[in-house]
Amino acid sequence: MADEAAAMTSTRQDGDTATLDLILDVPLAVSVELGRVRMAVRELLALGAGSVIELAKLAGEPLDVLINGKPVARGEAVMVNEKFGVRLTEIVSPTERVERLR
């Protein structure tokens, strides 16, 4: 019975138990959004090397962490062995994530 309980990693709201084993190896696209801006095609075509695009987000605001284009967390930029990383500071609640899927 203990082995059975250890194998069950999730319970659906309808009372049925399910395991995550079937989806643990599914690849997902993870991206981090620094900010957004809307531009007219004219402005886009005028961009060149050295151009600066001003984003709607202020410096110091949390970065959005997206999985398959859906927000799941927020965090701050960090350096890890000369590479950029994100330290998660807030996780979007499971209820909010499910609502955004609809």
C-alpha atoms as a PDB file:
ATOM      1  CA  MET A   1       0.000   0.000   0.000  1.00  0.00           C
ATOM      2  CA  ALA A   2       2.905   2.402   0.714  1.00  0.00           C
ATOM      3  CA  ASP A   3       4.324   1.702  -2.759  1.00  0.00           C
ATOM      4  CA  GLU A   4       0.943   2.503  -4.281  1.00  0.00           C
ATOM      5  CA  ALA A   5       0.749   5.813  -2.407  1.00  0.00           C
ATOM      6  CA  ALA A   6       4.281   6.740  -3.476  1.00  0.00           C
ATOM      7  CA  ALA A   7       3.438   6.085  -7.123  1.00  0.00           C
ATOM      8  CA  MET A   8       0.396   8.372  -7.014  1.00  0.00           C
ATOM      9  CA  THR A   9       1.708  11.906  -7.370  1.00  0.00           C
ATOM     10  CA  SER A  10      -1.461  13.814  -8.144  1.00  0.00           C
ATOM     11  CA  THR A  11      -5.167  13.711  -7.359  1.00  0.00           C
ATOM     12  CA  ARG A  12      -7.722  15.206  -9.728  1.00  0.00           C
ATOM     13  CA  GLN A  13     -10.619  17.190  -8.293  1.00  0.00           C
ATOM     14  CA  ASP A  14     -13.108  14.517  -9.349  1.00  0.00           C
ATOM     15  CA  GLY A  15     -11.525  12.106  -6.882  1.00  0.00           C
ATOM     16  CA  ASP A  16      -9.753   9.868  -9.405  1.00  0.00           C
ATOM     17  CA  THR A  17      -6.051   9.403  -8.774  1.00  0.00           C
ATOM     18  CA  ALA A  18      -3.556   9.790 -11.593  1.00  0.00           C
ATOM     19  CA  THR A  19       0.179   9.674 -11.932  1.00  0.00           C
ATOM     20  CA  LEU A  20       2.376  12.152 -13.705  1.00  0.00           C
ATOM     21  CA  ASP A  21       4.624   9.355 -14.979  1.00  0.00           C
ATOM     22  CA  LEU A  22       3.059   9.466 -18.435  1.00  0.00           C
ATOM     23  CA  ILE A  23       3.947  13.112 -19.029  1.00  0.00           C
ATOM     24  CA  LEU A  24       7.214  13.614 -17.141  1.00  0.00           C
ATOM     25  CA  ASP A  25       9.305  13.350 -20.337  1.00  0.00           C
ATOM     26  CA  VAL A  26       7.134  15.616 -22.515  1.00  0.00           C
ATOM     27  CA  PRO A  27       9.274  18.534 -23.739  1.00  0.00           C
ATOM     28  CA  LEU A  28       7.909  22.036 -23.099  1.00  0.00           C
ATOM     29  CA  ALA A  29       9.047  25.401 -24.467  1.00  0.00           C
ATOM     30  CA  VAL A  30      10.164  27.599 -21.567  1.00  0.00           C
ATOM     31  CA  SER A  31      10.776  31.285 -22.257  1.00  0.00           C
ATOM     32  CA  VAL A  32      11.370  34.388 -20.178  1.00  0.00           C
ATOM     33  CA  GLU A  33       9.788  37.662 -21.221  1.00  0.00           C
ATOM     34  CA  LEU A  34      11.721  40.801 -20.418  1.00  0.00           C
ATOM     35  CA  GLY A  35       8.974  43.101 -21.687  1.00  0.00           C
ATOM     36  CA  ARG A  36       6.707  43.931 -24.623  1.00  0.00           C
ATOM     37  CA  VAL A  37       6.141  46.757 -27.030  1.00  0.00           C
ATOM     38  CA  ARG A  38       3.794  47.392 -29.947  1.00  0.00           C
ATOM     39  CA  MET A  39       5.367  48.820 -33.069  1.00  0.00           C
ATOM     40  CA  ALA A  40       4.105  49.847 -36.462  1.00  0.00           C
ATOM     41  CA  VAL A  41       5.649  48.099 -39.445  1.00  0.00           C
ATOM     42  CA  ARG A  42       7.283  51.432 -40.393  1.00  0.00           C
ATOM     43  CA  GLU A  43       9.076  51.541 -37.010  1.00  0.00           C
ATOM     44  CA  LEU A  44      10.086  47.893 -37.260  1.00  0.00           C
ATOM     45  CA  LEU A  45      11.618  48.381 -40.714  1.00  0.00           C
ATOM     46  CA  ALA A  46      13.565  51.405 -39.455  1.00  0.00           C
ATOM     47  CA  LEU A  47      15.426  49.315 -36.850  1.00  0.00           C
ATOM     48  CA  GLY A  48      19.076  48.608 -37.412  1.00  0.00           C
ATOM     49  CA  ALA A  49      22.188  47.594 -35.510  1.00  0.00           C
ATOM     50  CA  GLY A  50      22.439  49.763 -32.411  1.00  0.00           C
ATOM     51  CA  SER A  51      18.723  50.633 -32.337  1.00  0.00           C
ATOM     52  CA  VAL A  52      17.120  50.688 -28.903  1.00  0.00           C
ATOM     53  CA  ILE A  53      13.607  49.348 -28.381  1.00  0.00           C
ATOM     54  CA  GLU A  54      11.933  50.827 -25.316  1.00  0.00           C
ATOM     55  CA  LEU A  55       9.854  48.207 -23.503  1.00  0.00           C
ATOM     56  CA  ALA A  56       6.667  48.828 -21.534  1.00  0.00           C
ATOM     57  CA  LYS A  57       8.163  47.251 -18.407  1.00  0.00           C
ATOM     58  CA  LEU A  58      10.195  49.303 -15.942  1.00  0.00           C
ATOM     59  CA  ALA A  59      13.695  48.347 -14.829  1.00  0.00           C
ATOM     60  CA  GLY A  60      13.516  46.150 -11.736  1.00  0.00           C
ATOM     61  CA  GLU A  61      10.059  44.745 -12.488  1.00  0.00           C
ATOM     62  CA  PRO A  62       9.800  40.935 -12.370  1.00  0.00           C
ATOM     63  CA  LEU A  63      10.375  38.946 -15.548  1.00  0.00           C
ATOM     64  CA  ASP A  64       7.562  36.686 -16.745  1.00  0.00           C
ATOM     65  CA  VAL A  65       8.341  32.977 -17.075  1.00  0.00           C
ATOM     66  CA  LEU A  66       6.208  31.334 -19.757  1.00  0.00           C
ATOM     67  CA  ILE A  67       5.723  27.664 -20.563  1.00  0.00           C
ATOM     68  CA  ASN A  68       4.282  27.097 -24.021  1.00  0.00           C
ATOM     69  CA  GLY A  69       3.353  30.790 -24.054  1.00  0.00           C
ATOM     70  CA  LYS A  70       1.395  30.666 -20.787  1.00  0.00           C
ATOM     71  CA  PRO A  71       2.633  32.533 -17.675  1.00  0.00           C
ATOM     72  CA  VAL A  72       3.554  30.210 -14.818  1.00  0.00           C
ATOM     73  CA  ALA A  73       5.948  32.273 -12.708  1.00  0.00           C
ATOM     74  CA  ARG A  74       7.733  35.586 -12.215  1.00  0.00           C
ATOM     75  CA  GLY A  75      11.319  36.157 -11.281  1.00  0.00           C
ATOM     76  CA  GLU A  76      14.451  38.255 -11.437  1.00  0.00           C
ATOM     77  CA  ALA A  77      17.456  38.058 -13.740  1.00  0.00           C
ATOM     78  CA  VAL A  78      20.635  36.561 -12.275  1.00  0.00           C
ATOM     79  CA  MET A  79      24.061  35.553 -13.587  1.00  0.00           C
ATOM     80  CA  VAL A  80      25.029  31.882 -13.284  1.00  0.00           C
ATOM     81  CA  ASN A  81      28.547  30.995 -14.476  1.00  0.00           C
ATOM     82  CA  GLU A  82      28.568  33.907 -16.960  1.00  0.00           C
ATOM     83  CA  LYS A  83      25.137  32.942 -18.288  1.00  0.00           C
ATOM     84  CA  PHE A  84      21.792  34.587 -17.628  1.00  0.00           C
ATOM     85  CA  GLY A  85      19.311  32.806 -15.402  1.00  0.00           C
ATOM     86  CA  VAL A  86      16.053  33.547 -13.626  1.00  0.00           C
ATOM     87  CA  ARG A  87      15.484  33.262  -9.891  1.00  0.00           C
ATOM     88  CA  LEU A  88      11.806  32.509  -9.397  1.00  0.00           C
ATOM     89  CA  THR A  89      10.172  34.833  -6.907  1.00  0.00           C
ATOM     90  CA  GLU A  90       6.513  33.995  -7.462  1.00  0.00           C
ATOM     91  CA  ILE A  91       4.636  30.996  -8.860  1.00  0.00           C
ATOM     92  CA  VAL A  92       1.278  31.527 -10.533  1.00  0.00           C
ATOM     93  CA  SER A  93      -1.322  29.583  -8.537  1.00  0.00           C
ATOM     94  CA  PRO A  94      -2.587  26.324 -10.079  1.00  0.00           C
ATOM     95  CA  THR A  95      -6.118  27.734 -10.143  1.00  0.00           C
ATOM     96  CA  GLU A  96      -4.987  30.813 -12.074  1.00  0.00           C
ATOM     97  CA  ARG A  97      -2.982  28.637 -14.514  1.00  0.00           C
ATOM     98  CA  VAL A  98      -6.013  26.443 -15.237  1.00  0.00           C
ATOM     99  CA  GLU A  99      -8.223  29.506 -15.739  1.00  0.00           C
ATOM    100  CA  ARG A 100      -5.753  30.949 -18.279  1.00  0.00           C
ATOM    101  CA  LEU A 101      -5.865  27.741 -20.304  1.00  0.00           C
ATOM    102  CA  ARG A 102      -9.530  28.309 -21.123  1.00  0.00           C
END
